[in-house]
PDB file of N, CA and C in Angstrom:
ATOM      1  N   MET A   1      27.399   2.403 -51.704  1.00  0.00           N
ATOM      2  CA  MET A   1      28.088   2.635 -50.765  1.00  0.00           C
ATOM      3  C   MET A   1      29.408   3.554 -50.955  1.00  0.00           C
ATOM      4  N   PRO A   2      29.402   4.652 -50.231  1.00  0.00           N
ATOM      5  CA  PRO A   2      30.674   5.481 -50.362  1.00  0.00           C
ATOM      6  C   PRO A   2      31.917   4.994 -49.903  1.00  0.00           C
ATOM      7  N   GLY A   3      32.914   5.467 -50.581  1.00  0.00           N
ATOM      8  CA  GLY A   3      34.175   4.950 -50.253  1.00  0.00           C
ATOM      9  C   GLY A   3      34.663   5.278 -48.889  1.00  0.00           C
ATOM     10  N   PHE A   4      35.563   4.459 -48.493  1.00  0.00           N
ATOM     11  CA  PHE A   4      36.210   4.874 -46.987  1.00  0.00           C
ATOM     12  C   PHE A   4      37.156   6.251 -47.117  1.00  0.00           C
ATOM     13  N   LYS A   5      37.005   7.017 -46.350  1.00  0.00           N
ATOM     14  CA  LYS A   5      37.735   8.239 -46.258  1.00  0.00           C
ATOM     15  C   LYS A   5      38.995   8.000 -45.370  1.00  0.00           C
ATOM     16  N   ASP A   6      39.981   8.072 -45.782  1.00  0.00           N
ATOM     17  CA  ASP A   6      41.233   7.871 -44.855  1.00  0.00           C
ATOM     18  C   ASP A   6      41.649   9.245 -44.173  1.00  0.00           C
ATOM     19  N   ASN A   7      41.361   9.556 -43.182  1.00  0.00           N
ATOM     20  CA  ASN A   7      42.076  10.867 -42.629  1.00  0.00           C
ATOM     21  C   ASN A   7      43.395  10.678 -42.306  1.00  0.00           C
ATOM     22  N   ASN A   8      44.257  11.644 -42.767  1.00  0.00           N
ATOM     23  CA  ASN A   8      45.744  11.635 -42.121  1.00  0.00           C
ATOM     24  C   ASN A   8      45.811  12.284 -40.765  1.00  0.00           C
ATOM     25  N   PHE A   9      47.038  12.357 -40.304  1.00  0.00           N
ATOM     26  CA  PHE A   9      47.109  12.831 -38.896  1.00  0.00           C
ATOM     27  C   PHE A   9      46.876  14.366 -38.868  1.00  0.00           C
ATOM     28  N   VAL A  10      47.012  15.199 -39.902  1.00  0.00           N
ATOM     29  CA  VAL A  10      46.847  16.505 -39.847  1.00  0.00           C
ATOM     30  C   VAL A  10      45.425  16.875 -39.805  1.00  0.00           C
ATOM     31  N   GLU A  11      44.662  16.163 -40.601  1.00  0.00           N
ATOM     32  CA  GLU A  11      43.301  16.424 -40.438  1.00  0.00           C
ATOM     33  C   GLU A  11      42.709  15.912 -39.295  1.00  0.00           C
ATOM     34  N   ARG A  12      42.873  14.873 -38.641  1.00  0.00           N
ATOM     35  CA  ARG A  12      42.613  14.461 -37.109  1.00  0.00           C
ATOM     36  C   ARG A  12      43.038  15.742 -36.216  1.00  0.00           C
ATOM     37  N   ARG A  13      44.327  15.884 -36.349  1.00  0.00           N
ATOM     38  CA  ARG A  13      44.656  16.823 -35.438  1.00  0.00           C
ATOM     39  C   ARG A  13      44.017  18.138 -35.456  1.00  0.00           C
ATOM     40  N   ASP A  14      43.699  18.656 -36.609  1.00  0.00           N
ATOM     41  CA  ASP A  14      42.858  19.958 -36.830  1.00  0.00           C
ATOM     42  C   ASP A  14      41.540  19.779 -36.273  1.00  0.00           C
ATOM     43  N   ALA A  15      40.897  18.704 -36.475  1.00  0.00           N
ATOM     44  CA  ALA A  15      39.480  18.407 -36.083  1.00  0.00           C
ATOM     45  C   ALA A  15      39.436  18.417 -34.570  1.00  0.00           C
ATOM     46  N   ALA A  16      40.486  17.859 -33.965  1.00  0.00           N
ATOM     47  CA  ALA A  16      40.747  17.798 -32.400  1.00  0.00           C
ATOM     48  C   ALA A  16      40.743  19.246 -31.817  1.00  0.00           C
ATOM     49  N   LEU A  17      41.543  19.943 -32.531  1.00  0.00           N
ATOM     50  CA  LEU A  17      42.031  21.209 -31.944  1.00  0.00           C
ATOM     51  C   LEU A  17      40.617  22.388 -32.204  1.00  0.00           C
ATOM     52  N   LYS A  18      39.992  22.002 -33.410  1.00  0.00           N
ATOM     53  CA  LYS A  18      38.492  22.666 -33.731  1.00  0.00           C
ATOM     54  C   LYS A  18      37.703  22.380 -32.508  1.00  0.00           C
ATOM     55  N   ALA A  19      37.442  21.089 -32.320  1.00  0.00           N
ATOM     56  CA  ALA A  19      36.528  20.708 -31.273  1.00  0.00           C
ATOM     57  C   ALA A  19      36.902  21.372 -29.795  1.00  0.00           C
ATOM     58  N   LYS A  20      38.102  21.486 -29.492  1.00  0.00           N
ATOM     59  CA  LYS A  20      38.647  22.058 -28.226  1.00  0.00           C
ATOM     60  C   LYS A  20      38.224  23.483 -28.242  1.00  0.00           C
ATOM     61  N   GLN A  21      38.542  24.070 -29.177  1.00  0.00           N
ATOM     62  CA  GLN A  21      38.103  25.623 -29.476  1.00  0.00           C
ATOM     63  C   GLN A  21      36.689  25.806 -29.349  1.00  0.00           C
ATOM     64  N   ASP A  22      35.901  24.832 -29.931  1.00  0.00           N
ATOM     65  CA  ASP A  22      34.377  25.097 -29.914  1.00  0.00           C
ATOM     66  C   ASP A  22      34.154  25.018 -28.253  1.00  0.00           C
ATOM     67  N   LEU A  23      34.577  24.100 -27.881  1.00  0.00           N
ATOM     68  CA  LEU A  23      34.200  23.811 -26.103  1.00  0.00           C
ATOM     69  C   LEU A  23      34.580  25.084 -25.421  1.00  0.00           C
ATOM     70  N   LEU A  24      35.897  25.620 -25.645  1.00  0.00           N
ATOM     71  CA  LEU A  24      36.249  26.797 -25.001  1.00  0.00           C
ATOM     72  C   LEU A  24      35.135  27.949 -25.328  1.00  0.00           C
ATOM     73  N   GLU A  25      35.074  28.026 -26.533  1.00  0.00           N
ATOM     74  CA  GLU A  25      33.881  29.197 -26.841  1.00  0.00           C
ATOM     75  C   GLU A  25      32.798  29.076 -26.194  1.00  0.00           C
ATOM     76  N   LYS A  26      32.247  27.814 -26.210  1.00  0.00           N
ATOM     77  CA  LYS A  26      30.898  27.667 -25.481  1.00  0.00           C
ATOM     78  C   LYS A  26      30.952  28.006 -23.875  1.00  0.00           C
ATOM     79  N   PHE A  27      32.127  27.482 -23.283  1.00  0.00           N
ATOM     80  CA  PHE A  27      32.396  27.720 -22.125  1.00  0.00           C
ATOM     81  C   PHE A  27      32.323  29.346 -21.759  1.00  0.00           C
ATOM     82  N   LYS A  28      33.321  30.029 -22.490  1.00  0.00           N
ATOM     83  CA  LYS A  28      33.356  31.375 -22.509  1.00  0.00           C
ATOM     84  C   LYS A  28      32.043  32.177 -22.612  1.00  0.00           C
ATOM     85  N   SER A  29      31.049  31.753 -23.605  1.00  0.00           N
ATOM     86  CA  SER A  29      30.045  32.539 -23.825  1.00  0.00           C
ATOM     87  C   SER A  29      28.952  32.224 -22.810  1.00  0.00           C
ATOM     88  N   ARG A  30      29.148  31.451 -21.802  1.00  0.00           N
ATOM     89  CA  ARG A  30      28.260  31.042 -20.744  1.00  0.00           C
ATOM     90  C   ARG A  30      27.927  32.472 -19.920  1.00  0.00           C
ATOM     91  N   ALA A  31      26.750  32.563 -19.474  1.00  0.00           N
ATOM     92  CA  ALA A  31      26.106  33.514 -18.707  1.00  0.00           C
ATOM     93  C   ALA A  31      26.791  33.814 -17.288  1.00  0.00           C
ATOM     94  N   ALA A  32      26.950  34.906 -16.962  1.00  0.00           N
ATOM     95  CA  ALA A  32      27.518  35.113 -15.643  1.00  0.00           C
ATOM     96  C   ALA A  32      26.621  34.735 -14.574  1.00  0.00           C
ATOM     97  N   PRO A  33      27.042  34.326 -13.372  1.00  0.00           N
ATOM     98  CA  PRO A  33      25.979  33.773 -12.371  1.00  0.00           C
ATOM     99  C   PRO A  33      25.239  34.858 -11.844  1.00  0.00           C
ATOM    100  N   ASP A  34      25.325  36.243 -12.023  1.00  0.00           N
ATOM    101  CA  ASP A  34      24.387  37.192 -11.599  1.00  0.00           C
ATOM    102  C   ASP A  34      23.534  37.715 -12.769  1.00  0.00           C
ATOM    103  N   ASP A  35      23.594  37.040 -13.729  1.00  0.00           N
ATOM    104  CA  ASP A  35      22.812  37.436 -14.908  1.00  0.00           C
ATOM    105  C   ASP A  35      21.060  37.424 -14.817  1.00  0.00           C
ATOM    106  N   PRO A  36      20.427  38.353 -14.979  1.00  0.00           N
ATOM    107  CA  PRO A  36      18.967  38.410 -14.566  1.00  0.00           C
ATOM    108  C   PRO A  36      18.226  37.110 -14.838  1.00  0.00           C
ATOM    109  N   ARG A  37      18.549  36.810 -16.256  1.00  0.00           N
ATOM    110  CA  ARG A  37      17.953  35.638 -16.857  1.00  0.00           C
ATOM    111  C   ARG A  37      18.043  34.476 -15.991  1.00  0.00           C
ATOM    112  N   LEU A  38      19.440  34.255 -15.722  1.00  0.00           N
ATOM    113  CA  LEU A  38      19.808  32.882 -14.865  1.00  0.00           C
ATOM    114  C   LEU A  38      18.973  33.132 -13.469  1.00  0.00           C
ATOM    115  N   LEU A  39      19.085  34.384 -12.832  1.00  0.00           N
ATOM    116  CA  LEU A  39      18.364  34.561 -11.470  1.00  0.00           C
ATOM    117  C   LEU A  39      16.825  34.307 -11.529  1.00  0.00           C
ATOM    118  N   LYS A  40      16.193  34.711 -12.645  1.00  0.00           N
ATOM    119  CA  LYS A  40      14.774  34.299 -12.797  1.00  0.00           C
ATOM    120  C   LYS A  40      14.635  33.070 -13.003  1.00  0.00           C
ATOM    121  N   LEU A  41      15.443  32.031 -13.623  1.00  0.00           N
ATOM    122  CA  LEU A  41      15.413  30.739 -13.946  1.00  0.00           C
ATOM    123  C   LEU A  41      15.674  30.011 -12.522  1.00  0.00           C
ATOM    124  N   ALA A  42      16.412  30.553 -11.851  1.00  0.00           N
ATOM    125  CA  ALA A  42      16.598  29.810 -10.430  1.00  0.00           C
ATOM    126  C   ALA A  42      15.458  30.058  -9.497  1.00  0.00           C
ATOM    127  N   GLU A  43      14.804  31.285  -9.434  1.00  0.00           N
ATOM    128  CA  GLU A  43      13.842  31.725  -8.912  1.00  0.00           C
ATOM    129  C   GLU A  43      12.497  30.742  -9.101  1.00  0.00           C
ATOM    130  N   GLU A  44      12.247  30.393 -10.561  1.00  0.00           N
ATOM    131  CA  GLU A  44      11.320  29.634 -10.976  1.00  0.00           C
ATOM    132  C   GLU A  44      11.471  28.179 -10.438  1.00  0.00           C
ATOM    133  N   ARG A  45      12.957  27.819 -10.738  1.00  0.00           N
ATOM    134  CA  ARG A  45      13.134  26.336 -10.176  1.00  0.00           C
ATOM    135  C   ARG A  45      12.890  26.234  -8.661  1.00  0.00           C
ATOM    136  N   ARG A  46      13.103  27.260  -7.717  1.00  0.00           N
ATOM    137  CA  ARG A  46      12.845  27.228  -6.319  1.00  0.00           C
ATOM    138  C   ARG A  46      11.348  27.224  -6.321  1.00  0.00           C
ATOM    139  N   LEU A  47      10.466  27.916  -6.905  1.00  0.00           N
ATOM    140  CA  LEU A  47       9.132  28.161  -6.681  1.00  0.00           C
ATOM    141  C   LEU A  47       8.419  26.629  -7.059  1.00  0.00           C
ATOM    142  N   VAL A  48       8.948  25.997  -8.281  1.00  0.00           N
ATOM    143  CA  VAL A  48       8.677  24.662  -8.602  1.00  0.00           C
ATOM    144  C   VAL A  48       8.960  23.527  -7.590  1.00  0.00           C
ATOM    145  N   ALA A  49       9.983  23.791  -6.904  1.00  0.00           N
ATOM    146  CA  ALA A  49      10.482  22.785  -5.954  1.00  0.00           C
ATOM    147  C   ALA A  49       9.605  22.951  -4.755  1.00  0.00           C
ATOM    148  N   GLU A  50       9.119  24.291  -4.142  1.00  0.00           N
ATOM    149  CA  GLU A  50       8.484  24.314  -3.260  1.00  0.00           C
ATOM    150  C   GLU A  50       7.152  23.898  -3.595  1.00  0.00           C
ATOM    151  N   ALA A  51       6.521  24.218  -4.781  1.00  0.00           N
ATOM    152  CA  ALA A  51       5.167  23.594  -5.044  1.00  0.00           C
ATOM    153  C   ALA A  51       5.225  22.145  -4.891  1.00  0.00           C
ATOM    154  N   ARG A  52       6.324  21.458  -5.423  1.00  0.00           N
ATOM    155  CA  ARG A  52       6.377  20.024  -5.375  1.00  0.00           C
ATOM    156  C   ARG A  52       6.472  19.487  -3.900  1.00  0.00           C
ATOM    157  N   ALA A  53       7.149  20.270  -3.020  1.00  0.00           N
ATOM    158  CA  ALA A  53       7.325  19.781  -1.587  1.00  0.00           C
ATOM    159  C   ALA A  53       5.939  19.977  -0.907  1.00  0.00           C
ATOM    160  N   VAL A  54       5.210  20.979  -1.458  1.00  0.00           N
ATOM    161  CA  VAL A  54       3.730  21.162  -0.699  1.00  0.00           C
ATOM    162  C   VAL A  54       2.951  19.845  -1.202  1.00  0.00           C
ATOM    163  N   ARG A  55       2.938  19.588  -2.546  1.00  0.00           N
ATOM    164  CA  ARG A  55       2.216  18.384  -3.091  1.00  0.00           C
ATOM    165  C   ARG A  55       2.535  17.034  -2.440  1.00  0.00           C
ATOM    166  N   ALA A  56       3.775  16.994  -2.104  1.00  0.00           N
ATOM    167  CA  ALA A  56       4.528  15.729  -1.508  1.00  0.00           C
ATOM    168  C   ALA A  56       3.925  15.783  -0.136  1.00  0.00           C
ATOM    169  N   ALA A  57       3.779  16.811   0.523  1.00  0.00           N
ATOM    170  CA  ALA A  57       3.439  16.824   2.072  1.00  0.00           C
ATOM    171  C   ALA A  57       1.949  16.530   1.836  1.00  0.00           C
ATOM    172  N   GLU A  58       1.260  16.950   1.359  1.00  0.00           N
ATOM    173  CA  GLU A  58      -0.359  16.532   0.926  1.00  0.00           C
ATOM    174  C   GLU A  58      -0.434  15.357   0.715  1.00  0.00           C
ATOM    175  N   ARG A  59       0.151  14.662  -0.266  1.00  0.00           N
ATOM    176  CA  ARG A  59      -0.028  13.367  -0.605  1.00  0.00           C
ATOM    177  C   ARG A  59       0.624  12.302   0.798  1.00  0.00           C
ATOM    178  N   GLU A  60       1.616  12.838   1.530  1.00  0.00           N
ATOM    179  CA  GLU A  60       1.827  12.121   2.692  1.00  0.00           C
ATOM    180  C   GLU A  60       0.773  12.208   3.844  1.00  0.00           C
ATOM    181  N   ARG A  61       0.250  13.377   3.809  1.00  0.00           N
ATOM    182  CA  ARG A  61      -0.972  13.720   4.890  1.00  0.00           C
ATOM    183  C   ARG A  61      -2.255  12.736   4.465  1.00  0.00           C
ATOM    184  N   LEU A  62      -2.460  12.658   3.235  1.00  0.00           N
ATOM    185  CA  LEU A  62      -3.588  11.808   2.591  1.00  0.00           C
ATOM    186  C   LEU A  62      -3.297  10.268   2.886  1.00  0.00           C
ATOM    187  N   ARG A  63      -2.077  10.072   2.626  1.00  0.00           N
ATOM    188  CA  ARG A  63      -1.613   8.655   2.968  1.00  0.00           C
ATOM    189  C   ARG A  63      -1.815   8.295   4.386  1.00  0.00           C
ATOM    190  N   GLN A  64      -1.369   8.986   5.214  1.00  0.00           N
ATOM    191  CA  GLN A  64      -1.415   8.820   6.705  1.00  0.00           C
ATOM    192  C   GLN A  64      -2.923   8.743   7.037  1.00  0.00           C
ATOM    193  N   GLU A  65      -3.478   9.635   6.567  1.00  0.00           N
ATOM    194  CA  GLU A  65      -5.167   9.624   6.970  1.00  0.00           C
ATOM    195  C   GLU A  65      -5.890   8.065   6.385  1.00  0.00           C
ATOM    196  N   ASP A  66      -5.251   7.807   5.084  1.00  0.00           N
ATOM    197  CA  ASP A  66      -5.939   6.574   4.666  1.00  0.00           C
ATOM    198  C   ASP A  66      -5.276   5.439   5.557  1.00  0.00           C
ATOM    199  N   LEU A  67      -4.006   5.544   6.139  1.00  0.00           N
ATOM    200  CA  LEU A  67      -3.579   4.354   6.944  1.00  0.00           C
ATOM    201  C   LEU A  67      -4.422   4.399   8.262  1.00  0.00           C
ATOM    202  N   VAL A  68      -4.870   5.309   8.910  1.00  0.00           N
ATOM    203  CA  VAL A  68      -5.495   5.510  10.008  1.00  0.00           C
ATOM    204  C   VAL A  68      -6.835   5.028   9.600  1.00  0.00           C
ATOM    205  N   ARG A  69      -7.514   5.484   8.861  1.00  0.00           N
ATOM    206  CA  ARG A  69      -8.904   4.838   8.295  1.00  0.00           C
ATOM    207  C   ARG A  69      -8.658   3.242   7.939  1.00  0.00           C
ATOM    208  N   GLN A  70      -7.659   2.913   7.241  1.00  0.00           N
ATOM    209  CA  GLN A  70      -7.794   1.353   7.273  1.00  0.00           C
ATOM    210  C   GLN A  70      -7.452   0.580   8.593  1.00  0.00           C
ATOM    211  N   ALA A  71      -6.770   1.154   9.326  1.00  0.00           N
ATOM    212  CA  ALA A  71      -6.449   0.642  10.777  1.00  0.00           C
ATOM    213  C   ALA A  71      -7.797   0.606  11.589  1.00  0.00           C
ATOM    214  N   ALA A  72      -8.692   1.616  11.576  1.00  0.00           N
ATOM    215  CA  ALA A  72      -9.855   1.687  12.078  1.00  0.00           C
ATOM    216  C   ALA A  72     -10.886   0.720  11.567  1.00  0.00           C
ATOM    217  N   GLU A  73     -10.759   0.670  10.422  1.00  0.00           N
ATOM    218  CA  GLU A  73     -11.634  -0.422   9.520  1.00  0.00           C
ATOM    219  C   GLU A  73     -11.408  -1.755   9.945  1.00  0.00           C
ATOM    220  N   ALA A  74      -9.921  -2.002   9.910  1.00  0.00           N
ATOM    221  CA  ALA A  74      -9.459  -3.496  10.423  1.00  0.00           C
ATOM    222  C   ALA A  74      -9.818  -3.686  11.834  1.00  0.00           C
ATOM    223  N   VAL A  75      -9.884  -2.704  12.771  1.00  0.00           N
ATOM    224  CA  VAL A  75     -10.221  -2.810  14.100  1.00  0.00           C
ATOM    225  C   VAL A  75     -11.766  -3.203  14.342  1.00  0.00           C
ATOM    226  N   ARG A  76     -12.646  -2.568  13.262  1.00  0.00           N
ATOM    227  CA  ARG A  76     -13.929  -2.566  13.501  1.00  0.00           C
ATOM    228  C   ARG A  76     -14.399  -4.033  12.912  1.00  0.00           C
ATOM    229  N   ARG A  77     -13.442  -4.504  11.693  1.00  0.00           N
ATOM    230  CA  ARG A  77     -13.743  -5.726  11.369  1.00  0.00           C
ATOM    231  C   ARG A  77     -13.529  -6.836  12.268  1.00  0.00           C
ATOM    232  N   LYS A  78     -12.472  -6.653  13.034  1.00  0.00           N
ATOM    233  CA  LYS A  78     -12.056  -7.706  14.109  1.00  0.00           C
ATOM    234  C   LYS A  78     -13.080  -7.740  14.995  1.00  0.00           C
ATOM    235  N   GLN A  79     -13.508  -6.761  15.570  1.00  0.00           N
ATOM    236  CA  GLN A  79     -14.510  -6.541  16.505  1.00  0.00           C
ATOM    237  C   GLN A  79     -15.915  -7.382  16.128  1.00  0.00           C
ATOM    238  N   GLU A  80     -16.217  -7.073  14.919  1.00  0.00           N
ATOM    239  CA  GLU A  80     -17.535  -7.660  14.360  1.00  0.00           C
ATOM    240  C   GLU A  80     -17.202  -9.236  14.205  1.00  0.00           C
ATOM    241  N   GLU A  81     -15.830  -9.771  13.887  1.00  0.00           N
ATOM    242  CA  GLU A  81     -15.529 -11.103  13.970  1.00  0.00           C
ATOM    243  C   GLU A  81     -15.662 -11.738  15.149  1.00  0.00           C
ATOM    244  N   GLU A  82     -15.121 -11.035  16.177  1.00  0.00           N
ATOM    245  CA  GLU A  82     -15.167 -11.698  17.487  1.00  0.00           C
ATOM    246  C   GLU A  82     -16.465 -11.727  18.017  1.00  0.00           C
ATOM    247  N   GLU A  83     -17.353 -10.637  17.680  1.00  0.00           N
ATOM    248  CA  GLU A  83     -18.806 -10.698  18.023  1.00  0.00           C
ATOM    249  C   GLU A  83     -19.520 -11.912  17.462  1.00  0.00           C
ATOM    250  N   ARG A  84     -19.139 -12.068  16.101  1.00  0.00           N
ATOM    251  CA  ARG A  84     -19.847 -13.073  15.427  1.00  0.00           C
ATOM    252  C   ARG A  84     -19.566 -14.515  16.014  1.00  0.00           C
ATOM    253  N   ILE A  85     -18.056 -14.641  16.087  1.00  0.00           N
ATOM    254  CA  ILE A  85     -17.700 -15.991  16.899  1.00  0.00           C
ATOM    255  C   ILE A  85     -18.323 -16.311  18.336  1.00  0.00           C
ATOM    256  N   ALA A  86     -18.395 -15.069  19.252  1.00  0.00           N
ATOM    257  CA  ALA A  86     -19.179 -15.134  20.260  1.00  0.00           C
ATOM    258  C   ALA A  86     -20.727 -15.560  20.296  1.00  0.00           C
ATOM    259  N   ALA A  87     -21.326 -14.898  18.976  1.00  0.00           N
ATOM    260  CA  ALA A  87     -22.617 -15.348  19.020  1.00  0.00           C
ATOM    261  C   ALA A  87     -22.658 -16.864  18.536  1.00  0.00           C
ATOM    262  N   GLU A  88     -21.827 -17.256  17.588  1.00  0.00           N
ATOM    263  CA  GLU A  88     -21.951 -18.716  17.349  1.00  0.00           C
ATOM    264  C   GLU A  88     -21.583 -19.610  18.317  1.00  0.00           C
ATOM    265  N   LYS A  89     -20.780 -19.264  19.319  1.00  0.00           N
ATOM    266  CA  LYS A  89     -20.461 -20.087  20.539  1.00  0.00           C
ATOM    267  C   LYS A  89     -21.579 -20.131  21.372  1.00  0.00           C
ATOM    268  N   ALA A  90     -22.444 -18.965  21.487  1.00  0.00           N
ATOM    269  CA  ALA A  90     -23.421 -18.885  22.317  1.00  0.00           C
ATOM    270  C   ALA A  90     -24.585 -19.716  21.886  1.00  0.00           C
ATOM    271  N   ALA A  91     -24.788 -19.749  20.459  1.00  0.00           N
ATOM    272  CA  ALA A  91     -25.856 -20.514  19.756  1.00  0.00           C
ATOM    273  C   ALA A  91     -25.542 -22.098  19.909  1.00  0.00           C
ATOM    274  N   ALA A  92     -24.170 -22.270  19.772  1.00  0.00           N
ATOM    275  CA  ALA A  92     -23.669 -23.738  19.704  1.00  0.00           C
ATOM    276  C   ALA A  92     -24.012 -24.249  21.284  1.00  0.00           C
ATOM    277  N   LEU A  93     -23.685 -23.503  22.170  1.00  0.00           N
ATOM    278  CA  LEU A  93     -23.890 -23.925  23.566  1.00  0.00           C
ATOM    279  C   LEU A  93     -25.370 -23.969  23.974  1.00  0.00           C
ATOM    280  N   ALA A  94     -26.188 -23.150  23.341  1.00  0.00           N
ATOM    281  CA  ALA A  94     -27.714 -23.216  23.597  1.00  0.00           C
ATOM    282  C   ALA A  94     -28.248 -24.472  22.912  1.00  0.00           C
ATOM    283  N   ALA A  95     -27.737 -24.855  21.643  1.00  0.00           N
ATOM    284  CA  ALA A  95     -28.060 -26.026  21.131  1.00  0.00           C
ATOM    285  C   ALA A  95     -27.703 -27.241  21.738  1.00  0.00           C
ATOM    286  N   LEU A  96     -26.469 -27.143  22.344  1.00  0.00           N
ATOM    287  CA  LEU A  96     -25.991 -28.416  23.073  1.00  0.00           C
ATOM    288  C   LEU A  96     -26.863 -28.446  24.420  1.00  0.00           C
ATOM    289  N   ALA A  97     -27.216 -27.429  24.957  1.00  0.00           N
ATOM    290  CA  ALA A  97     -28.111 -27.475  26.114  1.00  0.00           C
ATOM    291  C   ALA A  97     -29.305 -28.036  25.908  1.00  0.00           C
ATOM    292  N   ALA A  98     -29.908 -27.629  24.811  1.00  0.00           N
ATOM    293  CA  ALA A  98     -31.277 -28.040  24.313  1.00  0.00           C
ATOM    294  C   ALA A  98     -31.262 -29.594  23.879  1.00  0.00           C
ATOM    295  N   GLU A  99     -30.147 -29.982  23.273  1.00  0.00           N
ATOM    296  CA  GLU A  99     -29.908 -31.497  22.999  1.00  0.00           C
ATOM    297  C   GLU A  99     -30.009 -32.189  24.248  1.00  0.00           C
ATOM    298  N   GLN A 100     -29.205 -31.738  25.279  1.00  0.00           N
ATOM    299  CA  GLN A 100     -29.001 -32.366  26.341  1.00  0.00           C
ATOM    300  C   GLN A 100     -30.314 -32.439  27.269  1.00  0.00           C
ATOM    301  N   GLU A 101     -30.899 -31.393  27.121  1.00  0.00           N
ATOM    302  CA  GLU A 101     -32.488 -31.275  27.641  1.00  0.00           C
ATOM    303  C   GLU A 101     -33.266 -32.313  27.097  1.00  0.00           C
ATOM    304  N   LEU A 102     -33.327 -32.467  25.879  1.00  0.00           N
ATOM    305  CA  LEU A 102     -34.230 -33.380  25.017  1.00  0.00           C
ATOM    306  C   LEU A 102     -33.701 -34.880  25.433  1.00  0.00           C
ATOM    307  N   LYS A 103     -32.572 -34.967  25.437  1.00  0.00           N
ATOM    308  CA  LYS A 103     -32.178 -36.395  25.805  1.00  0.00           C
ATOM    309  C   LYS A 103     -32.640 -36.840  27.190  1.00  0.00           C
ATOM    310  N   ALA A 104     -32.212 -35.816  28.037  1.00  0.00           N
ATOM    311  CA  ALA A 104     -32.832 -36.042  29.563  1.00  0.00           C
ATOM    312  C   ALA A 104     -34.316 -36.356  29.494  1.00  0.00           C
ATOM    313  N   GLN A 105     -35.035 -35.903  28.663  1.00  0.00           N
ATOM    314  CA  GLN A 105     -36.524 -35.977  28.687  1.00  0.00           C
ATOM    315  C   GLN A 105     -36.919 -37.219  28.152  1.00  0.00           C
ATOM    316  N   GLN A 106     -35.973 -37.568  26.946  1.00  0.00           N
ATOM    317  CA  GLN A 106     -36.406 -38.860  26.172  1.00  0.00           C
ATOM    318  C   GLN A 106     -36.224 -39.849  27.318  1.00  0.00           C
ATOM    319  N   LYS A 107     -34.784 -39.656  28.104  1.00  0.00           N
ATOM    320  CA  LYS A 107     -34.332 -40.768  29.052  1.00  0.00           C
ATOM    321  C   LYS A 107     -35.414 -40.996  30.010  1.00  0.00           C
ATOM    322  N   ALA A 108     -35.970 -39.693  30.630  1.00  0.00           N
ATOM    323  CA  ALA A 108     -37.053 -39.969  31.564  1.00  0.00           C
ATOM    324  C   ALA A 108     -38.283 -40.680  31.210  1.00  0.00           C
ATOM    325  N   ALA A 109     -38.666 -40.235  29.872  1.00  0.00           N
ATOM    326  CA  ALA A 109     -39.821 -40.954  29.372  1.00  0.00           C
ATOM    327  C   ALA A 109     -39.506 -42.462  29.099  1.00  0.00           C
ATOM    328  N   ARG A 110     -38.390 -42.889  28.726  1.00  0.00           N
ATOM    329  CA  ARG A 110     -37.991 -44.219  28.470  1.00  0.00           C
ATOM    330  C   ARG A 110     -38.029 -45.006  29.878  1.00  0.00           C
ATOM    331  N   ASP A 111     -37.389 -44.247  30.807  1.00  0.00           N
ATOM    332  CA  ASP A 111     -37.306 -44.766  32.225  1.00  0.00           C
ATOM    333  C   ASP A 111     -38.904 -44.949  32.687  1.00  0.00           C
ATOM    334  N   ALA A 112     -39.582 -43.885  32.460  1.00  0.00           N
ATOM    335  CA  ALA A 112     -41.139 -44.147  33.009  1.00  0.00           C
ATOM    336  C   ALA A 112     -41.738 -45.238  32.273  1.00  0.00           C
ATOM    337  N   ARG A 113     -41.457 -45.493  30.916  1.00  0.00           N
ATOM    338  CA  ARG A 113     -42.125 -46.553  30.299  1.00  0.00           C
ATOM    339  C   ARG A 113     -41.600 -47.909  30.724  1.00  0.00           C
ATOM    340  N   TYR A 114     -40.204 -47.973  30.963  1.00  0.00           N
ATOM    341  CA  TYR A 114     -39.739 -49.234  31.587  1.00  0.00           C
ATOM    342  C   TYR A 114     -40.311 -49.572  33.070  1.00  0.00           C
ATOM    343  N   ALA A 115     -40.556 -48.462  33.690  1.00  0.00           N
ATOM    344  CA  ALA A 115     -40.979 -48.558  35.107  1.00  0.00           C
ATOM    345  C   ALA A 115     -42.549 -49.254  34.856  1.00  0.00           C
ATOM    346  N   ALA A 116     -43.136 -48.404  33.856  1.00  0.00           N
ATOM    347  CA  ALA A 116     -44.608 -48.885  33.854  1.00  0.00           C
ATOM    348  C   ALA A 116     -44.659 -50.423  33.398  1.00  0.00           C
ATOM    349  N   ARG A 117     -43.779 -50.847  32.673  1.00  0.00           N
ATOM    350  CA  ARG A 117     -43.758 -52.057  32.031  1.00  0.00           C
ATOM    351  C   ARG A 117     -43.403 -53.035  33.220  1.00  0.00           C
ATOM    352  N   LYS A 118     -42.337 -52.794  34.108  1.00  0.00           N
ATOM    353  CA  LYS A 118     -42.229 -53.554  35.005  1.00  0.00           C
ATOM    354  C   LYS A 118     -43.416 -53.808  36.077  1.00  0.00           C
ATOM    355  N   LEU A 119     -43.976 -52.563  36.365  1.00  0.00           N
ATOM    356  CA  LEU A 119     -45.173 -52.657  37.221  1.00  0.00           C
ATOM    357  C   LEU A 119     -46.266 -53.595  36.739  1.00  0.00           C
ATOM    358  N   ARG A 120     -46.465 -53.375  35.277  1.00  0.00           N
ATOM    359  CA  ARG A 120     -47.646 -54.274  34.826  1.00  0.00           C
ATOM    360  C   ARG A 120     -47.369 -55.722  34.928  1.00  0.00           C
ATOM    361  N   ARG A 121     -45.900 -56.292  34.785  1.00  0.00           N
ATOM    362  CA  ARG A 121     -45.508 -57.453  34.793  1.00  0.00           C
ATOM    363  C   ARG A 121     -45.797 -58.114  36.217  1.00  0.00           C
ATOM    364  N   ARG A 122     -45.606 -57.300  37.174  1.00  0.00           N
ATOM    365  CA  ARG A 122     -45.749 -57.733  38.489  1.00  0.00           C
ATOM    366  C   ARG A 122     -47.326 -58.168  39.129  1.00  0.00           C
TER     367      ARG A 122
END
């Protein structure tokens, strides 16, 4: 393990001054706002942003179409369910009516047998 290097005040001050000078040079060497290279980059960024906006609008349109399609599907399923329930109710009512008719016929037959038996006893 290398030994600990103890920087004295002068070395630390010189390092800070050098870092400040480097930052100043970096700032000064920046291109001017009307530099053709920067203008070209800005135009490319604008084109990319426009393309991104077009894609986002297309995605939103597709999402809206999907929502409309899902809503229509939900309405269709609800109507089918209501029709199925109505058919089941009608079938249940028909079965109930048939059962009541059968019971009425059985009662009439039973009553007829009872009446015949009463007549035979007399």
